[in-house]
Amino acid sequence: MRALILLALALPAYASPPVTHPFPWMNGARLLRQLEQPANEAESAEAVAYLQGVMDATADQQWCYSATKPGTNLLQPALTDKLRTLTPAQARQSAGVLAVQAWAERWPCSAKACCHG
């Protein structure tokens, strides 16, 4: 009886494989592929939506642009230019982090502040 109880307690640990969550969800290599060679319209839309979310979450905080600087139409090319230069190991990093780095290099925030004005 004791053996059956021990077996019953141990079985759930072996019955199901461990759940893994991919991190980062979107890495630089995947984003570059989806932007430049999407498998379908959904992949392209997913990549653009991802970038828009990163832009909204980080603009005017970690990188800045204004009416006197290039606008949002240049953000994607600035990122893809940067992603093409990365090593495979670097390209496995979070696409959001890589995007912010690329944009901050091109459009840093001034010491006074930033913005759209």
Protein backbone atom coordinates (compact mmCIF):
# COMPACT_ATOMS: atom_id res chain seq x y z
CA MET A 1 0.00 0.00 0.00
CA ARG A 2 2.81 2.39 0.92
CA ALA A 3 4.46 1.72 -2.45
CA LEU A 4 1.24 2.59 -4.30
CA ILE A 5 0.93 5.87 -2.43
CA LEU A 6 4.52 6.79 -3.25
CA LEU A 7 3.96 5.85 -6.89
CA ALA A 8 0.77 7.93 -7.02
CA LEU A 9 2.62 10.93 -5.58
CA ALA A 10 5.52 10.57 -8.01
CA LEU A 11 3.45 9.94 -11.14
CA PRO A 12 2.25 13.52 -11.74
CA ALA A 13 5.86 14.70 -11.82
CA TYR A 14 6.63 12.33 -14.69
CA ALA A 15 3.27 12.32 -16.43
CA SER A 16 3.44 15.73 -18.03
CA PRO A 17 6.41 17.39 -19.68
CA PRO A 18 7.57 20.64 -18.13
CA VAL A 19 5.96 23.74 -19.59
CA THR A 20 8.45 26.05 -21.23
CA HIS A 21 7.80 29.59 -22.28
CA PRO A 22 9.94 31.02 -25.03
CA PHE A 23 11.88 34.05 -23.98
CA PRO A 24 12.24 36.36 -25.53
CA TRP A 25 8.94 35.91 -27.34
CA MET A 26 10.20 38.03 -30.23
CA ASN A 27 13.93 38.06 -30.78
CA GLY A 28 15.90 40.18 -33.24
CA ALA A 29 16.36 37.41 -35.80
CA ARG A 30 12.67 36.55 -35.86
CA LEU A 31 11.64 40.19 -36.11
CA LEU A 32 14.04 40.86 -38.98
CA ARG A 33 12.75 37.82 -40.87
CA GLN A 34 9.13 38.83 -40.30
CA LEU A 35 9.81 42.38 -41.44
CA GLU A 36 11.89 41.53 -44.51
CA GLN A 37 10.60 38.11 -45.59
CA PRO A 38 7.29 37.38 -43.87
CA ALA A 39 5.77 33.99 -44.59
CA ASN A 40 2.36 35.64 -44.93
CA GLU A 41 0.41 38.82 -44.23
CA ALA A 42 -0.24 37.80 -40.65
CA GLU A 43 3.48 37.57 -39.89
CA SER A 44 4.09 40.98 -41.40
CA ALA A 45 1.22 42.48 -39.42
CA GLU A 46 2.48 40.83 -36.23
CA ALA A 47 5.95 42.34 -36.69
CA VAL A 48 4.58 45.83 -37.36
CA ALA A 49 2.20 45.62 -34.40
CA TYR A 50 5.08 44.47 -32.19
CA LEU A 51 7.15 47.48 -33.26
CA GLN A 52 4.26 49.86 -32.69
CA GLY A 53 3.88 48.54 -29.14
CA VAL A 54 7.58 48.96 -28.43
CA MET A 55 7.47 52.45 -29.93
CA ASP A 56 4.48 53.48 -27.81
CA ALA A 57 6.01 52.06 -24.64
CA THR A 58 9.44 53.64 -25.02
CA ALA A 59 9.19 56.84 -27.10
CA ASP A 60 10.10 60.02 -25.25
CA GLN A 61 11.57 57.97 -22.42
CA GLN A 62 14.42 55.91 -23.86
CA TRP A 63 14.70 57.54 -27.28
CA CYS A 64 13.19 60.70 -28.71
CA TYR A 65 12.06 62.25 -31.94
CA SER A 66 10.33 65.50 -32.77
CA ALA A 67 8.97 67.47 -35.68
CA THR A 68 12.53 68.60 -36.46
CA LYS A 69 13.90 65.05 -36.48
CA PRO A 70 13.00 62.19 -38.81
CA GLY A 71 9.58 60.77 -38.10
CA THR A 72 8.23 57.33 -37.49
CA ASN A 73 8.57 56.31 -41.14
CA LEU A 74 12.31 55.95 -40.52
CA LEU A 75 12.07 53.91 -37.32
CA GLN A 76 11.68 50.53 -39.02
CA PRO A 77 14.61 51.05 -41.43
CA ALA A 78 16.80 52.25 -38.55
CA LEU A 79 16.02 49.03 -36.73
CA THR A 80 16.44 46.66 -39.67
CA ASP A 81 19.79 48.30 -40.51
CA LYS A 82 20.92 47.58 -36.94
CA LEU A 83 19.53 44.01 -36.89
CA ARG A 84 21.43 43.11 -40.07
CA THR A 85 24.74 43.91 -38.34
CA LEU A 86 24.21 41.61 -35.35
CA THR A 87 25.92 38.30 -34.73
CA PRO A 88 23.60 35.28 -34.40
CA ALA A 89 24.03 35.38 -30.61
CA GLN A 90 23.16 39.07 -30.44
CA ALA A 91 20.14 38.53 -32.72
CA ARG A 92 18.70 36.08 -30.17
CA GLN A 93 18.21 38.96 -27.73
CA SER A 94 14.84 40.56 -27.14
CA ALA A 95 13.69 42.44 -30.22
CA GLY A 96 12.22 45.16 -28.01
CA VAL A 97 15.56 45.79 -26.32
CA LEU A 98 17.35 45.79 -29.68
CA ALA A 99 14.81 48.21 -31.15
CA VAL A 100 15.20 50.66 -28.29
CA GLN A 101 18.99 50.48 -28.61
CA ALA A 102 18.83 51.16 -32.35
CA TRP A 103 16.43 54.08 -31.96
CA ALA A 104 18.34 55.58 -29.01
CA GLU A 105 21.54 55.53 -31.09
CA ARG A 106 19.80 57.43 -33.90
CA TRP A 107 17.47 59.63 -31.85
CA PRO A 108 18.80 60.07 -28.32
CA CYS A 109 16.89 62.12 -25.79
CA SER A 110 18.50 65.45 -24.98
CA ALA A 111 19.50 66.29 -21.43
CA LYS A 112 16.75 68.93 -21.29
CA ALA A 113 14.00 66.50 -22.29
CA CYS A 114 12.36 65.42 -25.36
CA CYS A 115 9.66 65.52 -27.40
CA HIS A 116 7.24 65.88 -30.19
CA GLY A 117 7.17 69.64 -30.22
